[in-house]
Amino acid sequence: MEFVIFIAFALMLIGAAGIILLKKPLDKVIMFSILDAGFLLSVVLFKYLDVALFIALSGPLSTLVFIMAIVKIKEIRFKKVESGEIHD
């Protein structure tokens, strides 16, 4: 049982470190999914099954919102470069 708890916390730490350290937005989405998997596993291990159900249902929605935000930021940056507001 302790080994599974170790895996859950390792997934959360790897996901959090990846979100902080990686530069590419799509890599951050992958790390967010790893963090979410570890968090869900730890909630299940502590027997909060009603909370785990909510996490399992809201996890894909939050990932979609995260991806939509990345796309919107890229569009805004592209429009600023196109209009000449940003100079390198």
PDB file of N, CA and C in Angstrom:
ATOM      1  N   MET A   1       0.818  -1.197   0.000  1.00  0.00           N
ATOM      2  CA  MET A   1       0.000   0.000   0.000  1.00  0.00           C
ATOM      3  C   MET A   1       0.865   1.266   0.000  1.00  0.00           C
ATOM      4  N   GLU A   2       1.984   1.210   0.754  1.00  0.00           N
ATOM      5  CA  GLU A   2       2.852   2.385   0.792  1.00  0.00           C
ATOM      6  C   GLU A   2       3.467   2.667  -0.575  1.00  0.00           C
ATOM      7  N   PHE A   3       3.681   1.598  -1.347  1.00  0.00           N
ATOM      8  CA  PHE A   3       4.264   1.771  -2.676  1.00  0.00           C
ATOM      9  C   PHE A   3       3.316   2.540  -3.595  1.00  0.00           C
ATOM     10  N   VAL A   4       2.026   2.267  -3.492  1.00  0.00           N
ATOM     11  CA  VAL A   4       1.042   2.970  -4.316  1.00  0.00           C
ATOM     12  C   VAL A   4       0.937   4.435  -3.885  1.00  0.00           C
ATOM     13  N   ILE A   5       1.036   4.676  -2.586  1.00  0.00           N
ATOM     14  CA  ILE A   5       1.028   6.065  -2.099  1.00  0.00           C
ATOM     15  C   ILE A   5       2.264   6.802  -2.624  1.00  0.00           C
ATOM     16  N   PHE A   6       3.410   6.115  -2.622  1.00  0.00           N
ATOM     17  CA  PHE A   6       4.640   6.700  -3.155  1.00  0.00           C
ATOM     18  C   PHE A   6       4.479   7.051  -4.633  1.00  0.00           C
ATOM     19  N   ILE A   7       3.845   6.159  -5.398  1.00  0.00           N
ATOM     20  CA  ILE A   7       3.616   6.415  -6.828  1.00  0.00           C
ATOM     21  C   ILE A   7       2.716   7.632  -7.014  1.00  0.00           C
ATOM     22  N   ALA A   8       1.659   7.740  -6.204  1.00  0.00           N
ATOM     23  CA  ALA A   8       0.735   8.868  -6.327  1.00  0.00           C
ATOM     24  C   ALA A   8       1.441  10.193  -6.066  1.00  0.00           C
ATOM     25  N   PHE A   9       2.219  10.247  -4.989  1.00  0.00           N
ATOM     26  CA  PHE A   9       2.911  11.491  -4.671  1.00  0.00           C
ATOM     27  C   PHE A   9       4.030  11.779  -5.663  1.00  0.00           C
ATOM     28  N   ALA A  10       4.673  10.735  -6.184  1.00  0.00           N
ATOM     29  CA  ALA A  10       5.701  10.942  -7.211  1.00  0.00           C
ATOM     30  C   ALA A  10       5.089  11.524  -8.483  1.00  0.00           C
ATOM     31  N   LEU A  11       3.909  11.024  -8.869  1.00  0.00           N
ATOM     32  CA  LEU A  11       3.230  11.572 -10.045  1.00  0.00           C
ATOM     33  C   LEU A  11       2.885  13.046  -9.847  1.00  0.00           C
ATOM     34  N   MET A  12       2.422  13.381  -8.650  1.00  0.00           N
ATOM     35  CA  MET A  12       2.087  14.778  -8.385  1.00  0.00           C
ATOM     36  C   MET A  12       3.328  15.668  -8.412  1.00  0.00           C
ATOM     37  N   LEU A  13       4.429  15.201  -7.838  1.00  0.00           N
ATOM     38  CA  LEU A  13       5.656  16.001  -7.839  1.00  0.00           C
ATOM     39  C   LEU A  13       6.237  16.151  -9.239  1.00  0.00           C
ATOM     40  N   ILE A  14       6.236  15.077 -10.016  1.00  0.00           N
ATOM     41  CA  ILE A  14       6.747  15.145 -11.386  1.00  0.00           C
ATOM     42  C   ILE A  14       5.883  16.092 -12.225  1.00  0.00           C
ATOM     43  N   GLY A  15       4.563  15.986 -12.084  1.00  0.00           N
ATOM     44  CA  GLY A  15       3.664  16.866 -12.826  1.00  0.00           C
ATOM     45  C   GLY A  15       3.847  18.326 -12.459  1.00  0.00           C
ATOM     46  N   ALA A  16       3.969  18.613 -11.159  1.00  0.00           N
ATOM     47  CA  ALA A  16       4.142  19.999 -10.719  1.00  0.00           C
ATOM     48  C   ALA A  16       5.478  20.563 -11.188  1.00  0.00           C
ATOM     49  N   ALA A  17       6.534  19.768 -11.075  1.00  0.00           N
ATOM     50  CA  ALA A  17       7.846  20.234 -11.526  1.00  0.00           C
ATOM     51  C   ALA A  17       7.854  20.454 -13.039  1.00  0.00           C
ATOM     52  N   GLY A  18       7.188  19.575 -13.768  1.00  0.00           N
ATOM     53  CA  GLY A  18       7.122  19.734 -15.217  1.00  0.00           C
ATOM     54  C   GLY A  18       6.361  20.973 -15.632  1.00  0.00           C
ATOM     55  N   ILE A  19       5.282  21.270 -14.941  1.00  0.00           N
ATOM     56  CA  ILE A  19       4.506  22.477 -15.256  1.00  0.00           C
ATOM     57  C   ILE A  19       5.359  23.724 -15.013  1.00  0.00           C
ATOM     58  N   ILE A  20       6.135  23.709 -13.943  1.00  0.00           N
ATOM     59  CA  ILE A  20       6.953  24.875 -13.613  1.00  0.00           C
ATOM     60  C   ILE A  20       8.136  25.018 -14.561  1.00  0.00           C
ATOM     61  N   LEU A  21       8.804  23.914 -14.875  1.00  0.00           N
ATOM     62  CA  LEU A  21      10.077  23.993 -15.587  1.00  0.00           C
ATOM     63  C   LEU A  21       9.970  23.979 -17.108  1.00  0.00           C
ATOM     64  N   LEU A  22       8.965  23.330 -17.653  1.00  0.00           N
ATOM     65  CA  LEU A  22       8.872  23.222 -19.105  1.00  0.00           C
ATOM     66  C   LEU A  22       8.354  24.516 -19.720  1.00  0.00           C
ATOM     67  N   LYS A  23       8.814  24.805 -20.934  1.00  0.00           N
ATOM     68  CA  LYS A  23       8.473  26.067 -21.599  1.00  0.00           C
ATOM     69  C   LYS A  23       7.312  25.927 -22.576  1.00  0.00           C
ATOM     70  N   LYS A  24       7.216  24.790 -23.274  1.00  0.00           N
ATOM     71  CA  LYS A  24       6.189  24.634 -24.298  1.00  0.00           C
ATOM     72  C   LYS A  24       4.816  24.395 -23.656  1.00  0.00           C
ATOM     73  N   PRO A  25       3.799  25.087 -24.142  1.00  0.00           N
ATOM     74  CA  PRO A  25       2.469  24.956 -23.532  1.00  0.00           C
ATOM     75  C   PRO A  25       1.883  23.547 -23.633  1.00  0.00           C
ATOM     76  N   LEU A  26       2.107  22.847 -24.729  1.00  0.00           N
ATOM     77  CA  LEU A  26       1.544  21.510 -24.848  1.00  0.00           C
ATOM     78  C   LEU A  26       2.249  20.523 -23.925  1.00  0.00           C
ATOM     79  N   ASP A  27       3.517  20.748 -23.638  1.00  0.00           N
ATOM     80  CA  ASP A  27       4.203  19.929 -22.643  1.00  0.00           C
ATOM     81  C   ASP A  27       3.608  20.162 -21.258  1.00  0.00           C
ATOM     82  N   LYS A  28       3.200  21.402 -21.009  1.00  0.00           N
ATOM     83  CA  LYS A  28       2.556  21.710 -19.733  1.00  0.00           C
ATOM     84  C   LYS A  28       1.214  20.986 -19.601  1.00  0.00           C
ATOM     85  N   VAL A  29       0.496  20.817 -20.698  1.00  0.00           N
ATOM     86  CA  VAL A  29      -0.775  20.087 -20.656  1.00  0.00           C
ATOM     87  C   VAL A  29      -0.530  18.625 -20.292  1.00  0.00           C
ATOM     88  N   ILE A  30       0.517  18.036 -20.858  1.00  0.00           N
ATOM     89  CA  ILE A  30       0.856  16.654 -20.533  1.00  0.00           C
ATOM     90  C   ILE A  30       1.226  16.531 -19.060  1.00  0.00           C
ATOM     91  N   MET A  31       2.017  17.459 -18.562  1.00  0.00           N
ATOM     92  CA  MET A  31       2.400  17.428 -17.149  1.00  0.00           C
ATOM     93  C   MET A  31       1.201  17.663 -16.240  1.00  0.00           C
ATOM     94  N   PHE A  32       0.257  18.496 -16.689  1.00  0.00           N
ATOM     95  CA  PHE A  32      -0.965  18.714 -15.919  1.00  0.00           C
ATOM     96  C   PHE A  32      -1.773  17.419 -15.818  1.00  0.00           C
ATOM     97  N   SER A  33      -1.796  16.638 -16.878  1.00  0.00           N
ATOM     98  CA  SER A  33      -2.505  15.365 -16.852  1.00  0.00           C
ATOM     99  C   SER A  33      -1.829  14.377 -15.903  1.00  0.00           C
ATOM    100  N   ILE A  34      -0.506  14.390 -15.869  1.00  0.00           N
ATOM    101  CA  ILE A  34       0.220  13.524 -14.936  1.00  0.00           C
ATOM    102  C   ILE A  34      -0.060  13.950 -13.497  1.00  0.00           C
ATOM    103  N   LEU A  35      -0.058  15.244 -13.241  1.00  0.00           N
ATOM    104  CA  LEU A  35      -0.380  15.749 -11.914  1.00  0.00           C
ATOM    105  C   LEU A  35      -1.797  15.367 -11.519  1.00  0.00           C
ATOM    106  N   ASP A  36      -2.721  15.482 -12.441  1.00  0.00           N
ATOM    107  CA  ASP A  36      -4.118  15.141 -12.186  1.00  0.00           C
ATOM    108  C   ASP A  36      -4.278  13.652 -11.875  1.00  0.00           C
ATOM    109  N   ALA A  37      -3.536  12.804 -12.567  1.00  0.00           N
ATOM    110  CA  ALA A  37      -3.605  11.366 -12.309  1.00  0.00           C
ATOM    111  C   ALA A  37      -3.090  11.037 -10.912  1.00  0.00           C
ATOM    112  N   GLY A  38      -2.001  11.656 -10.520  1.00  0.00           N
ATOM    113  CA  GLY A  38      -1.477  11.426  -9.174  1.00  0.00           C
ATOM    114  C   GLY A  38      -2.416  11.935  -8.098  1.00  0.00           C
ATOM    115  N   PHE A  39      -3.027  13.078  -8.343  1.00  0.00           N
ATOM    116  CA  PHE A  39      -3.971  13.633  -7.369  1.00  0.00           C
ATOM    117  C   PHE A  39      -5.197  12.738  -7.230  1.00  0.00           C
ATOM    118  N   LEU A  40      -5.715  12.254  -8.343  1.00  0.00           N
ATOM    119  CA  LEU A  40      -6.868  11.357  -8.299  1.00  0.00           C
ATOM    120  C   LEU A  40      -6.522  10.072  -7.560  1.00  0.00           C
ATOM    121  N   LEU A  41      -5.351   9.521  -7.818  1.00  0.00           N
ATOM    122  CA  LEU A  41      -4.931   8.302  -7.145  1.00  0.00           C
ATOM    123  C   LEU A  41      -4.787   8.509  -5.641  1.00  0.00           C
ATOM    124  N   SER A  42      -4.240   9.639  -5.235  1.00  0.00           N
ATOM    125  CA  SER A  42      -4.092   9.893  -3.803  1.00  0.00           C
ATOM    126  C   SER A  42      -5.441  10.098  -3.127  1.00  0.00           C
ATOM    127  N   VAL A  43      -6.377  10.722  -3.797  1.00  0.00           N
ATOM    128  CA  VAL A  43      -7.715  10.900  -3.228  1.00  0.00           C
ATOM    129  C   VAL A  43      -8.407   9.552  -3.073  1.00  0.00           C
ATOM    130  N   VAL A  44      -8.256   8.675  -4.045  1.00  0.00           N
ATOM    131  CA  VAL A  44      -8.853   7.334  -3.958  1.00  0.00           C
ATOM    132  C   VAL A  44      -8.205   6.536  -2.832  1.00  0.00           C
ATOM    133  N   LEU A  45      -6.881   6.660  -2.680  1.00  0.00           N
ATOM    134  CA  LEU A  45      -6.193   5.916  -1.619  1.00  0.00           C
ATOM    135  C   LEU A  45      -6.633   6.343  -0.227  1.00  0.00           C
ATOM    136  N   PHE A  46      -7.000   7.602  -0.069  1.00  0.00           N
ATOM    137  CA  PHE A  46      -7.488   8.078   1.223  1.00  0.00           C
ATOM    138  C   PHE A  46      -9.005   7.895   1.370  1.00  0.00           C
ATOM    139  N   LYS A  47      -9.604   7.184   0.428  1.00  0.00           N
ATOM    140  CA  LYS A  47     -11.004   6.739   0.467  1.00  0.00           C
ATOM    141  C   LYS A  47     -12.028   7.882   0.449  1.00  0.00           C
ATOM    142  N   TYR A  48     -11.695   8.954  -0.246  1.00  0.00           N
ATOM    143  CA  TYR A  48     -12.666  10.023  -0.490  1.00  0.00           C
ATOM    144  C   TYR A  48     -13.250   9.801  -1.881  1.00  0.00           C
ATOM    145  N   LEU A  49     -14.116   8.806  -1.989  1.00  0.00           N
ATOM    146  CA  LEU A  49     -14.592   8.379  -3.304  1.00  0.00           C
ATOM    147  C   LEU A  49     -15.557   9.375  -3.932  1.00  0.00           C
ATOM    148  N   ASP A  50     -16.306  10.117  -3.132  1.00  0.00           N
ATOM    149  CA  ASP A  50     -17.185  11.127  -3.708  1.00  0.00           C
ATOM    150  C   ASP A  50     -16.373  12.273  -4.316  1.00  0.00           C
ATOM    151  N   VAL A  51     -15.288  12.650  -3.653  1.00  0.00           N
ATOM    152  CA  VAL A  51     -14.407  13.681  -4.200  1.00  0.00           C
ATOM    153  C   VAL A  51     -13.695  13.154  -5.442  1.00  0.00           C
ATOM    154  N   ALA A  52     -13.316  11.870  -5.414  1.00  0.00           N
ATOM    155  CA  ALA A  52     -12.652  11.262  -6.573  1.00  0.00           C
ATOM    156  C   ALA A  52     -13.576  11.246  -7.786  1.00  0.00           C
ATOM    157  N   LEU A  53     -14.859  11.021  -7.571  1.00  0.00           N
ATOM    158  CA  LEU A  53     -15.815  11.063  -8.678  1.00  0.00           C
ATOM    159  C   LEU A  53     -15.869  12.458  -9.288  1.00  0.00           C
ATOM    160  N   PHE A  54     -15.878  13.487  -8.446  1.00  0.00           N
ATOM    161  CA  PHE A  54     -15.894  14.855  -8.954  1.00  0.00           C
ATOM    162  C   PHE A  54     -14.606  15.182  -9.717  1.00  0.00           C
ATOM    163  N   ILE A  55     -13.476  14.739  -9.188  1.00  0.00           N
ATOM    164  CA  ILE A  55     -12.200  14.976  -9.871  1.00  0.00           C
ATOM    165  C   ILE A  55     -12.173  14.273 -11.217  1.00  0.00           C
ATOM    166  N   ALA A  56     -12.672  13.038 -11.248  1.00  0.00           N
ATOM    167  CA  ALA A  56     -12.677  12.282 -12.502  1.00  0.00           C
ATOM    168  C   ALA A  56     -13.574  12.937 -13.542  1.00  0.00           C
ATOM    169  N   LEU A  57     -14.658  13.559 -13.112  1.00  0.00           N
ATOM    170  CA  LEU A  57     -15.559  14.220 -14.058  1.00  0.00           C
ATOM    171  C   LEU A  57     -15.054  15.607 -14.466  1.00  0.00           C
ATOM    172  N   SER A  58     -14.415  16.318 -13.549  1.00  0.00           N
ATOM    173  CA  SER A  58     -13.973  17.674 -13.868  1.00  0.00           C
ATOM    174  C   SER A  58     -12.566  17.718 -14.472  1.00  0.00           C
ATOM    175  N   GLY A  59     -11.807  16.650 -14.363  1.00  0.00           N
ATOM    176  CA  GLY A  59     -10.451  16.624 -14.906  1.00  0.00           C
ATOM    177  C   GLY A  59     -10.381  16.883 -16.396  1.00  0.00           C
ATOM    178  N   PRO A  60     -11.140  16.152 -17.211  1.00  0.00           N
ATOM    179  CA  PRO A  60     -11.108  16.427 -18.653  1.00  0.00           C
ATOM    180  C   PRO A  60     -11.603  17.831 -19.012  1.00  0.00           C
ATOM    181  N   LEU A  61     -12.571  18.340 -18.262  1.00  0.00           N
ATOM    182  CA  LEU A  61     -13.064  19.696 -18.532  1.00  0.00           C
ATOM    183  C   LEU A  61     -11.990  20.745 -18.242  1.00  0.00           C
ATOM    184  N   SER A  62     -11.277  20.578 -17.149  1.00  0.00           N
ATOM    185  CA  SER A  62     -10.229  21.545 -16.835  1.00  0.00           C
ATOM    186  C   SER A  62      -9.086  21.465 -17.845  1.00  0.00           C
ATOM    187  N   THR A  63      -8.800  20.275 -18.352  1.00  0.00           N
ATOM    188  CA  THR A  63      -7.774  20.142 -19.387  1.00  0.00           C
ATOM    189  C   THR A  63      -8.202  20.844 -20.665  1.00  0.00           C
ATOM    190  N   LEU A  64      -9.467  20.733 -21.028  1.00  0.00           N
ATOM    191  CA  LEU A  64      -9.970  21.428 -22.213  1.00  0.00           C
ATOM    192  C   LEU A  64      -9.897  22.943 -22.055  1.00  0.00           C
ATOM    193  N   VAL A  65     -10.240  23.439 -20.878  1.00  0.00           N
ATOM    194  CA  VAL A  65     -10.153  24.876 -20.628  1.00  0.00           C
ATOM    195  C   VAL A  65      -8.697  25.332 -20.710  1.00  0.00           C
ATOM    196  N   PHE A  66      -7.777  24.529 -20.191  1.00  0.00           N
ATOM    197  CA  PHE A  66      -6.353  24.840 -20.247  1.00  0.00           C
ATOM    198  C   PHE A  66      -5.873  24.909 -21.692  1.00  0.00           C
ATOM    199  N   ILE A  67      -6.294  23.966 -22.530  1.00  0.00           N
ATOM    200  CA  ILE A  67      -5.904  23.956 -23.943  1.00  0.00           C
ATOM    201  C   ILE A  67      -6.509  25.148 -24.677  1.00  0.00           C
ATOM    202  N   MET A  68      -7.771  25.479 -24.382  1.00  0.00           N
ATOM    203  CA  MET A  68      -8.404  26.631 -25.030  1.00  0.00           C
ATOM    204  C   MET A  68      -7.685  27.928 -24.654  1.00  0.00           C
ATOM    205  N   ALA A  69      -7.221  28.037 -23.417  1.00  0.00           N
ATOM    206  CA  ALA A  69      -6.481  29.223 -22.999  1.00  0.00           C
ATOM    207  C   ALA A  69      -5.155  29.326 -23.745  1.00  0.00           C
ATOM    208  N   ILE A  70      -4.494  28.194 -23.951  1.00  0.00           N
ATOM    209  CA  ILE A  70      -3.236  28.199 -24.698  1.00  0.00           C
ATOM    210  C   ILE A  70      -3.461  28.664 -26.130  1.00  0.00           C
ATOM    211  N   VAL A  71      -4.516  28.168 -26.756  1.00  0.00           N
ATOM    212  CA  VAL A  71      -4.825  28.559 -28.134  1.00  0.00           C
ATOM    213  C   VAL A  71      -5.137  30.050 -28.204  1.00  0.00           C
ATOM    214  N   LYS A  72      -5.893  30.562 -27.259  1.00  0.00           N
ATOM    215  CA  LYS A  72      -6.248  31.980 -27.248  1.00  0.00           C
ATOM    216  C   LYS A  72      -5.014  32.855 -27.052  1.00  0.00           C
ATOM    217  N   ILE A  73      -4.110  32.460 -26.181  1.00  0.00           N
ATOM    218  CA  ILE A  73      -2.882  33.223 -25.958  1.00  0.00           C
ATOM    219  C   ILE A  73      -2.037  33.249 -27.229  1.00  0.00           C
ATOM    220  N   LYS A  74      -1.959  32.110 -27.925  1.00  0.00           N
ATOM    221  CA  LYS A  74      -1.195  32.073 -29.180  1.00  0.00           C
ATOM    222  C   LYS A  74      -1.814  33.002 -30.224  1.00  0.00           C
ATOM    223  N   GLU A  75      -3.151  33.041 -30.296  1.00  0.00           N
ATOM    224  CA  GLU A  75      -3.817  33.934 -31.249  1.00  0.00           C
ATOM    225  C   GLU A  75      -3.520  35.393 -30.927  1.00  0.00           C
ATOM    226  N   ILE A  76      -3.567  35.752 -29.657  1.00  0.00           N
ATOM    227  CA  ILE A  76      -3.303  37.133 -29.256  1.00  0.00           C
ATOM    228  C   ILE A  76      -1.863  37.514 -29.583  1.00  0.00           C
ATOM    229  N   ARG A  77      -0.928  36.619 -29.286  1.00  0.00           N
ATOM    230  CA  ARG A  77       0.479  36.903 -29.596  1.00  0.00           C
ATOM    231  C   ARG A  77       0.698  37.037 -31.095  1.00  0.00           C
ATOM    232  N   PHE A  78       0.048  36.186 -31.886  1.00  0.00           N
ATOM    233  CA  PHE A  78       0.202  36.256 -33.341  1.00  0.00           C
ATOM    234  C   PHE A  78      -0.355  37.563 -33.882  1.00  0.00           C
ATOM    235  N   LYS A  79      -1.493  38.017 -33.357  1.00  0.00           N
ATOM    236  CA  LYS A  79      -2.086  39.281 -33.814  1.00  0.00           C
ATOM    237  C   LYS A  79      -1.189  40.463 -33.448  1.00  0.00           C
ATOM    238  N   LYS A  80      -0.563  40.417 -32.271  1.00  0.00           N
ATOM    239  CA  LYS A  80       0.321  41.507 -31.858  1.00  0.00           C
ATOM    240  C   LYS A  80       1.564  41.551 -32.747  1.00  0.00           C
ATOM    241  N   VAL A  81       2.105  40.394 -33.085  1.00  0.00           N
ATOM    242  CA  VAL A  81       3.280  40.356 -33.960  1.00  0.00           C
ATOM    243  C   VAL A  81       2.893  40.825 -35.353  1.00  0.00           C
ATOM    244  N   GLU A  82       1.732  40.411 -35.816  1.00  0.00           N
ATOM    245  CA  GLU A  82       1.265  40.777 -37.155  1.00  0.00           C
ATOM    246  C   GLU A  82       1.009  42.281 -37.266  1.00  0.00           C
ATOM    247  N   SER A  83       0.481  42.870 -36.210  1.00  0.00           N
ATOM    248  CA  SER A  83       0.173  44.301 -36.266  1.00  0.00           C
ATOM    249  C   SER A  83       1.403  45.170 -36.009  1.00  0.00           C
ATOM    250  N   GLY A  84       2.479  44.553 -35.558  1.00  0.00           N
ATOM    251  CA  GLY A  84       3.716  45.310 -35.344  1.00  0.00           C
ATOM    252  C   GLY A  84       3.842  45.898 -33.969  1.00  0.00           C
ATOM    253  N   GLU A  85       3.033  45.446 -33.015  1.00  0.00           N
ATOM    254  CA  GLU A  85       3.135  45.994 -31.650  1.00  0.00           C
ATOM    255  C   GLU A  85       4.354  45.468 -30.932  1.00  0.00           C
ATOM    256  N   ILE A  86       4.818  44.277 -31.281  1.00  0.00           N
ATOM    257  CA  ILE A  86       5.981  43.691 -30.625  1.00  0.00           C
ATOM    258  C   ILE A  86       7.166  43.810 -31.568  1.00  0.00           C
ATOM    259  N   HIS A  87       8.252  44.380 -31.059  1.00  0.00           N
ATOM    260  CA  HIS A  87       9.472  44.526 -31.840  1.00  0.00           C
ATOM    261  C   HIS A  87      10.558  43.692 -31.182  1.00  0.00           C
ATOM    262  N   ASP A  88      11.266  42.904 -31.995  1.00  0.00           N
ATOM    263  CA  ASP A  88      12.360  42.084 -31.455  1.00  0.00           C
ATOM    264  C   ASP A  88      13.665  42.835 -31.502  1.00  0.00           C
TER     265      ASP A  88
END
